[in-house]
PDB file of N, CA and C in Angstrom:
ATOM      1  N   UNK A   1       6.279  -9.215  20.341  1.00  0.00           N
ATOM      2  CA  UNK A   1       5.545  -8.178  20.539  1.00  0.00           C
ATOM      3  C   UNK A   1       6.446  -6.666  20.008  1.00  0.00           C
ATOM      4  N   UNK A   2       5.817  -6.166  19.506  1.00  0.00           N
ATOM      5  CA  UNK A   2       6.857  -4.868  18.834  1.00  0.00           C
ATOM      6  C   UNK A   2       5.600  -3.577  19.690  1.00  0.00           C
ATOM      7  N   UNK A   3       7.249  -2.527  20.122  1.00  0.00           N
ATOM      8  CA  UNK A   3       6.639  -1.204  20.802  1.00  0.00           C
ATOM      9  C   UNK A   3       6.658  -0.208  19.873  1.00  0.00           C
ATOM     10  N   UNK A   4       5.472   0.451  19.446  1.00  0.00           N
ATOM     11  CA  UNK A   4       5.399   1.854  19.091  1.00  0.00           C
ATOM     12  C   UNK A   4       5.540   3.021  20.280  1.00  0.00           C
ATOM     13  N   UNK A   5       5.823   3.799  20.354  1.00  0.00           N
ATOM     14  CA  UNK A   5       6.065   4.866  21.148  1.00  0.00           C
ATOM     15  C   UNK A   5       5.785   4.549  22.870  1.00  0.00           C
ATOM     16  N   UNK A   6       6.055   5.391  23.629  1.00  0.00           N
ATOM     17  CA  UNK A   6       5.881   5.098  24.754  1.00  0.00           C
ATOM     18  C   UNK A   6       4.769   5.335  25.326  1.00  0.00           C
ATOM     19  N   UNK A   7       3.829   4.385  26.101  1.00  0.00           N
ATOM     20  CA  UNK A   7       3.178   4.669  27.089  1.00  0.00           C
ATOM     21  C   UNK A   7       2.680   5.071  28.338  1.00  0.00           C
ATOM     22  N   UNK A   8       3.555   5.490  28.947  1.00  0.00           N
ATOM     23  CA  UNK A   8       3.695   5.861  30.225  1.00  0.00           C
ATOM     24  C   UNK A   8       2.851   6.886  30.295  1.00  0.00           C
ATOM     25  N   UNK A   9       2.077   7.122  31.223  1.00  0.00           N
ATOM     26  CA  UNK A   9       0.579   8.094  32.022  1.00  0.00           C
ATOM     27  C   UNK A   9      -0.618   8.001  31.227  1.00  0.00           C
ATOM     28  N   UNK A  10      -0.403   6.869  30.136  1.00  0.00           N
ATOM     29  CA  UNK A  10      -1.615   6.300  29.449  1.00  0.00           C
ATOM     30  C   UNK A  10      -3.209   6.711  30.266  1.00  0.00           C
ATOM     31  N   UNK A  11      -3.855   7.188  29.771  1.00  0.00           N
ATOM     32  CA  UNK A  11      -5.315   7.093  30.259  1.00  0.00           C
ATOM     33  C   UNK A  11      -6.685   6.019  29.679  1.00  0.00           C
ATOM     34  N   UNK A  12      -6.180   5.607  28.662  1.00  0.00           N
ATOM     35  CA  UNK A  12      -7.295   4.700  28.157  1.00  0.00           C
ATOM     36  C   UNK A  12      -6.297   3.353  27.239  1.00  0.00           C
ATOM     37  N   UNK A  13      -6.994   2.878  26.962  1.00  0.00           N
ATOM     38  CA  UNK A  13      -6.445   1.630  25.903  1.00  0.00           C
ATOM     39  C   UNK A  13      -7.778   1.089  25.266  1.00  0.00           C
ATOM     40  N   UNK A  14      -7.561   0.423  24.026  1.00  0.00           N
ATOM     41  CA  UNK A  14      -8.050  -0.388  23.349  1.00  0.00           C
ATOM     42  C   UNK A  14      -7.776  -1.065  22.744  1.00  0.00           C
ATOM     43  N   UNK A  15      -8.010  -2.200  22.561  1.00  0.00           N
ATOM     44  CA  UNK A  15      -7.931  -3.533  21.836  1.00  0.00           C
ATOM     45  C   UNK A  15      -8.413  -3.487  20.339  1.00  0.00           C
ATOM     46  N   UNK A  16      -7.480  -3.979  19.478  1.00  0.00           N
ATOM     47  CA  UNK A  16      -8.263  -4.584  17.933  1.00  0.00           C
ATOM     48  C   UNK A  16      -7.440  -5.524  17.589  1.00  0.00           C
ATOM     49  N   UNK A  17      -8.038  -6.400  17.776  1.00  0.00           N
ATOM     50  CA  UNK A  17      -7.855  -8.243  17.708  1.00  0.00           C
ATOM     51  C   UNK A  17      -8.160  -8.466  15.925  1.00  0.00           C
ATOM     52  N   UNK A  18      -7.122  -9.082  15.861  1.00  0.00           N
ATOM     53  CA  UNK A  18      -6.714  -9.323  13.859  1.00  0.00           C
ATOM     54  C   UNK A  18      -7.797 -10.569  13.899  1.00  0.00           C
ATOM     55  N   UNK A  19      -8.613  -9.983  12.950  1.00  0.00           N
ATOM     56  CA  UNK A  19      -9.661 -11.021  12.345  1.00  0.00           C
ATOM     57  C   UNK A  19      -8.361 -12.340  11.632  1.00  0.00           C
ATOM     58  N   UNK A  20      -7.617 -12.191  10.714  1.00  0.00           N
ATOM     59  CA  UNK A  20      -7.147 -12.961  10.448  1.00  0.00           C
ATOM     60  C   UNK A  20      -6.448 -13.872  10.734  1.00  0.00           C
ATOM     61  N   UNK A  21      -5.617 -13.658  11.973  1.00  0.00           N
ATOM     62  CA  UNK A  21      -4.244 -14.290  12.861  1.00  0.00           C
ATOM     63  C   UNK A  21      -5.244 -14.405  14.319  1.00  0.00           C
ATOM     64  N   UNK A  22      -5.260 -15.376  14.810  1.00  0.00           N
ATOM     65  CA  UNK A  22      -6.294 -15.630  16.198  1.00  0.00           C
ATOM     66  C   UNK A  22      -4.774 -15.117  17.417  1.00  0.00           C
ATOM     67  N   UNK A  23      -3.782 -15.350  16.968  1.00  0.00           N
ATOM     68  CA  UNK A  23      -2.777 -14.872  18.010  1.00  0.00           C
ATOM     69  C   UNK A  23      -2.303 -13.383  17.776  1.00  0.00           C
ATOM     70  N   UNK A  24      -3.069 -12.333  16.928  1.00  0.00           N
ATOM     71  CA  UNK A  24      -2.277 -11.230  16.830  1.00  0.00           C
ATOM     72  C   UNK A  24      -3.229 -10.278  17.099  1.00  0.00           C
ATOM     73  N   UNK A  25      -2.958  -9.179  18.297  1.00  0.00           N
ATOM     74  CA  UNK A  25      -3.969  -7.645  18.354  1.00  0.00           C
ATOM     75  C   UNK A  25      -3.019  -6.942  18.713  1.00  0.00           C
ATOM     76  N   UNK A  26      -3.321  -5.723  18.833  1.00  0.00           N
ATOM     77  CA  UNK A  26      -3.084  -4.796  19.048  1.00  0.00           C
ATOM     78  C   UNK A  26      -3.653  -3.613  20.327  1.00  0.00           C
ATOM     79  N   UNK A  27      -2.743  -3.325  21.152  1.00  0.00           N
ATOM     80  CA  UNK A  27      -3.481  -2.724  22.577  1.00  0.00           C
ATOM     81  C   UNK A  27      -2.346  -0.918  21.853  1.00  0.00           C
ATOM     82  N   UNK A  28      -3.611  -0.067  21.878  1.00  0.00           N
ATOM     83  CA  UNK A  28      -3.624   1.441  21.725  1.00  0.00           C
ATOM     84  C   UNK A  28      -3.839   1.761  22.813  1.00  0.00           C
ATOM     85  N   UNK A  29      -2.828   2.887  23.111  1.00  0.00           N
ATOM     86  CA  UNK A  29      -2.598   3.337  24.399  1.00  0.00           C
ATOM     87  C   UNK A  29      -2.660   5.184  23.853  1.00  0.00           C
ATOM     88  N   UNK A  30      -3.881   5.939  25.060  1.00  0.00           N
ATOM     89  CA  UNK A  30      -4.009   7.149  24.651  1.00  0.00           C
ATOM     90  C   UNK A  30      -3.983   8.002  25.796  1.00  0.00           C
ATOM     91  N   UNK A  31      -3.495   9.296  25.538  1.00  0.00           N
ATOM     92  CA  UNK A  31      -3.500  10.139  26.793  1.00  0.00           C
ATOM     93  C   UNK A  31      -4.081  11.676  26.607  1.00  0.00           C
ATOM     94  N   UNK A  32      -5.148  11.972  26.856  1.00  0.00           N
ATOM     95  CA  UNK A  32      -5.907  13.463  26.541  1.00  0.00           C
ATOM     96  C   UNK A  32      -6.419  12.956  25.258  1.00  0.00           C
ATOM     97  N   UNK A  33      -6.962  11.672  25.014  1.00  0.00           N
ATOM     98  CA  UNK A  33      -7.356  11.814  23.601  1.00  0.00           C
ATOM     99  C   UNK A  33      -6.692  11.555  22.667  1.00  0.00           C
ATOM    100  N   UNK A  34      -5.491  11.594  22.933  1.00  0.00           N
ATOM    101  CA  UNK A  34      -4.387  11.547  22.225  1.00  0.00           C
ATOM    102  C   UNK A  34      -3.318  10.302  21.803  1.00  0.00           C
ATOM    103  N   UNK A  35      -3.250   9.552  20.766  1.00  0.00           N
ATOM    104  CA  UNK A  35      -2.313   8.518  20.950  1.00  0.00           C
ATOM    105  C   UNK A  35      -1.130   8.603  20.794  1.00  0.00           C
ATOM    106  N   UNK A  36      -0.571   7.957  21.734  1.00  0.00           N
ATOM    107  CA  UNK A  36       0.988   7.641  22.268  1.00  0.00           C
ATOM    108  C   UNK A  36       1.483   6.827  22.434  1.00  0.00           C
ATOM    109  N   UNK A  37       0.750   5.587  22.303  1.00  0.00           N
ATOM    110  CA  UNK A  37       1.597   4.639  21.972  1.00  0.00           C
ATOM    111  C   UNK A  37       0.707   2.875  21.372  1.00  0.00           C
ATOM    112  N   UNK A  38       1.527   1.736  21.100  1.00  0.00           N
ATOM    113  CA  UNK A  38       0.966   0.741  20.820  1.00  0.00           C
ATOM    114  C   UNK A  38       1.946  -0.215  20.706  1.00  0.00           C
ATOM    115  N   UNK A  39       1.069  -1.364  21.673  1.00  0.00           N
ATOM    116  CA  UNK A  39       1.837  -2.865  21.879  1.00  0.00           C
ATOM    117  C   UNK A  39       1.089  -3.858  20.702  1.00  0.00           C
ATOM    118  N   UNK A  40       2.331  -4.263  19.745  1.00  0.00           N
ATOM    119  CA  UNK A  40       1.487  -4.965  18.581  1.00  0.00           C
ATOM    120  C   UNK A  40       2.276  -6.799  18.788  1.00  0.00           C
ATOM    121  N   UNK A  41       1.422  -7.375  18.921  1.00  0.00           N
ATOM    122  CA  UNK A  41       1.516  -8.467  19.194  1.00  0.00           C
ATOM    123  C   UNK A  41       1.526  -9.489  18.084  1.00  0.00           C
ATOM    124  N   UNK A  42       2.331 -10.175  17.477  1.00  0.00           N
ATOM    125  CA  UNK A  42       2.445 -10.716  16.094  1.00  0.00           C
ATOM    126  C   UNK A  42       1.239  -9.900  14.950  1.00  0.00           C
ATOM    127  N   UNK A  43       1.594  -8.610  15.003  1.00  0.00           N
ATOM    128  CA  UNK A  43       1.138  -7.568  14.186  1.00  0.00           C
ATOM    129  C   UNK A  43       2.109  -6.998  13.138  1.00  0.00           C
ATOM    130  N   UNK A  44       2.725  -7.078  12.342  1.00  0.00           N
ATOM    131  CA  UNK A  44       3.955  -6.239  12.141  1.00  0.00           C
ATOM    132  C   UNK A  44       3.240  -4.801  10.687  1.00  0.00           C
ATOM    133  N   UNK A  45       2.503  -5.201  10.333  1.00  0.00           N
ATOM    134  CA  UNK A  45       1.660  -4.511   9.554  1.00  0.00           C
ATOM    135  C   UNK A  45       0.896  -3.237  10.307  1.00  0.00           C
ATOM    136  N   UNK A  46       0.470  -3.182  11.388  1.00  0.00           N
ATOM    137  CA  UNK A  46      -0.315  -2.797  12.353  1.00  0.00           C
ATOM    138  C   UNK A  46       1.191  -1.370  13.015  1.00  0.00           C
ATOM    139  N   UNK A  47       1.929  -2.429  13.441  1.00  0.00           N
ATOM    140  CA  UNK A  47       3.388  -1.892  13.907  1.00  0.00           C
ATOM    141  C   UNK A  47       3.981  -0.558  13.072  1.00  0.00           C
ATOM    142  N   UNK A  48       3.792  -0.808  12.082  1.00  0.00           N
ATOM    143  CA  UNK A  48       4.541  -0.137  10.880  1.00  0.00           C
ATOM    144  C   UNK A  48       3.507   1.385  11.063  1.00  0.00           C
ATOM    145  N   UNK A  49       2.523   0.772  10.854  1.00  0.00           N
ATOM    146  CA  UNK A  49       1.028   1.904  10.911  1.00  0.00           C
ATOM    147  C   UNK A  49       1.535   2.627  12.116  1.00  0.00           C
ATOM    148  N   UNK A  50       1.585   2.175  13.492  1.00  0.00           N
ATOM    149  CA  UNK A  50       1.458   2.897  14.890  1.00  0.00           C
ATOM    150  C   UNK A  50       2.524   4.050  14.877  1.00  0.00           C
ATOM    151  N   UNK A  51       3.734   3.453  14.498  1.00  0.00           N
ATOM    152  CA  UNK A  51       4.402   4.209  14.329  1.00  0.00           C
ATOM    153  C   UNK A  51       4.521   5.565  13.682  1.00  0.00           C
ATOM    154  N   UNK A  52       3.972   5.537  12.476  1.00  0.00           N
ATOM    155  CA  UNK A  52       3.675   6.715  11.703  1.00  0.00           C
ATOM    156  C   UNK A  52       2.648   7.381  12.178  1.00  0.00           C
ATOM    157  N   UNK A  53       1.468   6.943  12.707  1.00  0.00           N
ATOM    158  CA  UNK A  53       0.571   7.874  13.451  1.00  0.00           C
ATOM    159  C   UNK A  53       1.242   8.472  14.496  1.00  0.00           C
ATOM    160  N   UNK A  54       1.639   8.164  15.384  1.00  0.00           N
ATOM    161  CA  UNK A  54       2.468   8.294  16.326  1.00  0.00           C
ATOM    162  C   UNK A  54       3.717   9.251  15.780  1.00  0.00           C
ATOM    163  N   UNK A  55       4.365   8.987  14.702  1.00  0.00           N
ATOM    164  CA  UNK A  55       5.630   9.918  14.634  1.00  0.00           C
ATOM    165  C   UNK A  55       4.942  11.312  13.803  1.00  0.00           C
ATOM    166  N   UNK A  56       3.540  11.191  12.780  1.00  0.00           N
ATOM    167  CA  UNK A  56       3.463  12.107  12.305  1.00  0.00           C
ATOM    168  C   UNK A  56       1.935  13.259  12.874  1.00  0.00           C
ATOM    169  N   UNK A  57       2.008  12.752  14.454  1.00  0.00           N
ATOM    170  CA  UNK A  57       0.733  13.402  15.452  1.00  0.00           C
ATOM    171  C   UNK A  57      -0.545  13.101  14.391  1.00  0.00           C
ATOM    172  N   UNK A  58      -0.998  12.223  13.907  1.00  0.00           N
ATOM    173  CA  UNK A  58      -2.179  11.624  13.131  1.00  0.00           C
ATOM    174  C   UNK A  58      -3.654  11.598  14.138  1.00  0.00           C
ATOM    175  N   UNK A  59      -4.354  12.420  14.320  1.00  0.00           N
ATOM    176  CA  UNK A  59      -5.682  12.382  14.998  1.00  0.00           C
ATOM    177  C   UNK A  59      -6.487  10.880  14.841  1.00  0.00           C
ATOM    178  N   UNK A  60      -6.463  10.501  15.544  1.00  0.00           N
ATOM    179  CA  UNK A  60      -7.488   9.153  15.395  1.00  0.00           C
ATOM    180  C   UNK A  60      -8.052   9.066  17.119  1.00  0.00           C
ATOM    181  N   UNK A  61      -9.002   8.465  16.541  1.00  0.00           N
ATOM    182  CA  UNK A  61     -10.107   8.017  17.433  1.00  0.00           C
ATOM    183  C   UNK A  61      -9.733   6.470  18.078  1.00  0.00           C
ATOM    184  N   UNK A  62     -10.543   6.404  19.519  1.00  0.00           N
ATOM    185  CA  UNK A  62     -10.177   4.881  19.777  1.00  0.00           C
ATOM    186  C   UNK A  62     -11.173   4.038  19.175  1.00  0.00           C
ATOM    187  N   UNK A  63     -12.025   4.662  18.753  1.00  0.00           N
ATOM    188  CA  UNK A  63     -13.505   4.466  17.869  1.00  0.00           C
ATOM    189  C   UNK A  63     -12.981   3.699  16.489  1.00  0.00           C
ATOM    190  N   UNK A  64     -11.973   4.680  15.595  1.00  0.00           N
ATOM    191  CA  UNK A  64     -10.975   4.068  14.512  1.00  0.00           C
ATOM    192  C   UNK A  64     -10.557   2.846  14.856  1.00  0.00           C
ATOM    193  N   UNK A  65      -9.427   2.667  15.901  1.00  0.00           N
ATOM    194  CA  UNK A  65      -8.843   1.933  15.578  1.00  0.00           C
ATOM    195  C   UNK A  65      -9.035   0.763  16.088  1.00  0.00           C
ATOM    196  N   UNK A  66     -10.316   0.273  16.829  1.00  0.00           N
ATOM    197  CA  UNK A  66     -11.191  -0.896  17.108  1.00  0.00           C
ATOM    198  C   UNK A  66     -12.011  -1.384  16.192  1.00  0.00           C
ATOM    199  N   UNK A  67     -12.073  -0.680  14.877  1.00  0.00           N
ATOM    200  CA  UNK A  67     -13.239  -0.768  14.143  1.00  0.00           C
ATOM    201  C   UNK A  67     -12.455  -1.657  13.219  1.00  0.00           C
ATOM    202  N   UNK A  68     -12.906  -3.045  13.031  1.00  0.00           N
ATOM    203  CA  UNK A  68     -12.216  -4.138  12.021  1.00  0.00           C
ATOM    204  C   UNK A  68     -12.552  -3.572  10.404  1.00  0.00           C
ATOM    205  N   UNK A  69     -14.144  -2.625  10.367  1.00  0.00           N
ATOM    206  CA  UNK A  69     -14.346  -2.336   8.865  1.00  0.00           C
ATOM    207  C   UNK A  69     -13.216  -1.016   8.496  1.00  0.00           C
ATOM    208  N   UNK A  70     -12.679  -0.363   9.180  1.00  0.00           N
ATOM    209  CA  UNK A  70     -11.596   0.696   8.806  1.00  0.00           C
ATOM    210  C   UNK A  70     -10.271   0.163   8.610  1.00  0.00           C
ATOM    211  N   UNK A  71     -10.140  -0.129   7.388  1.00  0.00           N
ATOM    212  CA  UNK A  71      -8.477  -0.271   6.673  1.00  0.00           C
ATOM    213  C   UNK A  71      -7.410   1.051   7.867  1.00  0.00           C
ATOM    214  N   UNK A  72      -6.672   0.734   8.720  1.00  0.00           N
ATOM    215  CA  UNK A  72      -5.616   1.390   9.242  1.00  0.00           C
ATOM    216  C   UNK A  72      -4.761   2.573   8.294  1.00  0.00           C
ATOM    217  N   UNK A  73      -4.350   1.938   7.243  1.00  0.00           N
ATOM    218  CA  UNK A  73      -3.460   2.403   6.379  1.00  0.00           C
ATOM    219  C   UNK A  73      -4.006   3.467   5.724  1.00  0.00           C
ATOM    220  N   UNK A  74      -5.708   3.618   5.595  1.00  0.00           N
ATOM    221  CA  UNK A  74      -6.239   4.654   5.267  1.00  0.00           C
ATOM    222  C   UNK A  74      -5.982   6.099   5.911  1.00  0.00           C
ATOM    223  N   UNK A  75      -5.884   5.961   7.296  1.00  0.00           N
ATOM    224  CA  UNK A  75      -5.837   6.874   8.324  1.00  0.00           C
ATOM    225  C   UNK A  75      -4.684   7.869   7.996  1.00  0.00           C
ATOM    226  N   UNK A  76      -3.541   6.977   7.578  1.00  0.00           N
ATOM    227  CA  UNK A  76      -2.293   8.006   7.581  1.00  0.00           C
ATOM    228  C   UNK A  76      -2.550   9.355   6.124  1.00  0.00           C
ATOM    229  N   UNK A  77      -3.489   8.797   5.313  1.00  0.00           N
ATOM    230  CA  UNK A  77      -3.945   9.450   4.155  1.00  0.00           C
ATOM    231  C   UNK A  77      -4.798  10.692   4.516  1.00  0.00           C
ATOM    232  N   UNK A  78      -4.664  11.316   5.781  1.00  0.00           N
ATOM    233  CA  UNK A  78      -5.270  11.994   6.305  1.00  0.00           C
ATOM    234  C   UNK A  78      -4.939  13.697   6.094  1.00  0.00           C
TER     235      UNK A  78
END
């Protein structure tokens, strides 16, 4: 497991299951509709993306993060 950000004081979580790997998922943490952290289990690509989303303060929604049709890397190009 890899952790990006700090989930202290979170108000909402959403889970994105990796469709290609059965034991891989990411738990995304939000506070006041703002992404604050991610716990990445067997998901190194998502971990790197989560670090960038949090560090660059990119606005994302829970719906975007759990939608398997959305390529998370595209969220960095905002």
